[in-house]
Protein backbone atom coordinates (compact mmCIF):
# COMPACT_ATOMS: atom_id res chain seq x y z
CA UNK A 1 1.16 -56.20 2.44
CA UNK A 2 -2.57 -55.10 3.77
CA UNK A 3 -3.81 -59.23 3.36
CA UNK A 4 -0.90 -60.38 5.32
CA UNK A 5 -1.10 -57.97 7.85
CA UNK A 6 -5.21 -58.81 8.06
CA UNK A 7 -3.86 -62.82 8.16
CA UNK A 8 -1.42 -61.84 11.13
CA UNK A 9 -4.07 -60.22 12.91
CA UNK A 10 -6.69 -63.15 12.34
CA UNK A 11 -4.13 -65.50 13.84
CA UNK A 12 -3.87 -63.57 16.63
CA UNK A 13 -7.21 -62.90 17.57
CA UNK A 14 -7.04 -59.03 16.77
CA UNK A 15 -10.61 -57.88 15.18
CA UNK A 16 -10.26 -56.13 12.05
CA UNK A 17 -13.19 -53.56 11.37
CA UNK A 18 -14.22 -51.32 8.60
CA UNK A 19 -16.32 -48.91 8.97
CA UNK A 20 -16.43 -44.77 8.62
CA UNK A 21 -13.84 -43.12 10.67
CA UNK A 22 -15.92 -40.56 13.04
CA UNK A 23 -15.20 -38.06 15.74
CA UNK A 24 -18.07 -39.86 17.49
CA UNK A 25 -16.33 -43.19 17.18
CA UNK A 26 -12.97 -41.80 18.34
CA UNK A 27 -14.69 -40.11 20.76
CA UNK A 28 -15.98 -43.21 21.64
CA UNK A 29 -13.06 -45.14 21.89
CA UNK A 30 -11.22 -42.80 24.18
CA UNK A 31 -14.09 -43.08 26.29
CA UNK A 32 -13.90 -46.94 26.63
CA UNK A 33 -10.23 -46.66 27.18
CA UNK A 34 -8.94 -47.49 23.53
CA UNK A 35 -5.70 -46.12 22.77
CA UNK A 36 -6.39 -44.34 19.14
CA UNK A 37 -3.78 -43.62 16.07
CA UNK A 38 -5.30 -41.93 13.43
CA UNK A 39 -3.56 -41.06 9.63
CA UNK A 40 -3.61 -37.53 9.09
CA UNK A 41 -1.69 -35.25 6.11
CA UNK A 42 0.24 -32.35 8.83
CA UNK A 43 0.02 -30.03 5.68
CA UNK A 44 -2.14 -27.17 7.15
CA UNK A 45 0.37 -27.86 10.47
CA UNK A 46 3.93 -27.69 8.97
CA UNK A 47 3.30 -27.67 4.66
CA UNK A 48 4.21 -31.18 4.04
CA UNK A 49 1.89 -33.41 2.57
CA UNK A 50 2.90 -36.87 3.48
CA UNK A 51 0.51 -39.16 5.41
CA UNK A 52 1.37 -39.13 9.30
CA UNK A 53 0.58 -40.91 12.39
CA UNK A 54 -0.63 -39.56 15.61
CA UNK A 55 -2.39 -40.43 18.84
CA UNK A 56 -5.51 -38.68 19.92
CA UNK A 57 -5.22 -38.19 23.40
CA UNK A 58 -8.48 -36.29 23.98
CA UNK A 59 -11.13 -34.40 22.75
CA UNK A 60 -13.56 -31.51 24.16
CA UNK A 61 -16.19 -29.37 22.00
CA UNK A 62 -13.94 -27.40 20.03
CA UNK A 63 -10.82 -29.43 19.27
CA UNK A 64 -9.25 -33.11 19.41
CA UNK A 65 -5.78 -33.36 20.87
CA UNK A 66 -3.07 -35.04 19.62
CA UNK A 67 0.25 -36.25 20.34
CA UNK A 68 2.94 -36.40 17.41
CA UNK A 69 5.81 -38.41 17.30
CA UNK A 70 7.67 -36.36 14.68
CA UNK A 71 9.38 -34.04 16.75
CA UNK A 72 12.41 -33.34 14.81
CA UNK A 73 12.72 -29.70 14.39
CA UNK A 74 15.69 -28.09 15.93
CA UNK A 75 13.50 -25.23 17.94
CA UNK A 76 11.20 -28.13 19.03
CA UNK A 77 11.18 -29.42 22.38
CA UNK A 78 9.61 -32.98 23.11
CA UNK A 79 6.89 -31.09 24.85
CA UNK A 80 5.94 -29.03 22.12
CA UNK A 81 4.53 -32.12 20.36
CA UNK A 82 2.13 -33.47 23.35
CA UNK A 83 -0.96 -32.54 23.46
CA UNK A 84 -1.42 -30.74 20.29
CA UNK A 85 -4.93 -28.60 20.03
CA UNK A 86 -6.69 -29.25 16.19
CA UNK A 87 -9.78 -27.95 16.01
CA UNK A 88 -12.71 -30.35 14.71
CA UNK A 89 -13.17 -28.80 11.51
CA UNK A 90 -9.44 -28.62 10.97
CA UNK A 91 -8.94 -32.54 12.10
CA UNK A 92 -11.69 -33.74 9.55
CA UNK A 93 -9.93 -32.19 6.46
CA UNK A 94 -6.52 -33.36 7.77
CA UNK A 95 -7.59 -37.06 8.36
CA UNK A 96 -8.99 -37.87 4.56
CA UNK A 97 -6.78 -38.85 1.59
CA UNK A 98 -8.15 -39.31 -2.19
CA UNK A 99 -10.82 -38.78 -3.86
CA UNK A 100 -12.83 -41.56 -1.78
CA UNK A 101 -11.59 -39.31 1.20
CA UNK A 102 -10.77 -42.47 3.13
CA UNK A 103 -10.03 -42.40 6.67
CA UNK A 104 -7.51 -44.84 8.64
CA UNK A 105 -7.46 -45.27 12.27
CA UNK A 106 -6.13 -47.92 14.74
CA UNK A 107 -8.12 -48.34 18.22
CA UNK A 108 -6.03 -50.78 20.63
CA UNK A 109 -7.08 -51.91 23.78
CA UNK A 110 -5.41 -54.68 26.00
CA UNK A 111 -8.28 -56.76 27.82
């Protein structure tokens, strides 16, 4: 499936880059009008060990802020899932997977 996605991106002229997804890179993307999706584990937020995509909406010296599309708890309102602050150290731990500590992000910008 991965190779099919890569081929489809190439056919559509979408650049695919392989590089370390650092907080500095995320900050660069945000400053340059990219929309950034990052794969995280929400275990530190909700006790679930499943990979989960969130949209990074901003950063400051202490936190990254995310919109979480998974707002399905009965006591949660949609606003509870918007612009959620996550401490930078926690985000580093939440955004890596496996023994190789892989990170995955999608940065989108419409020209």
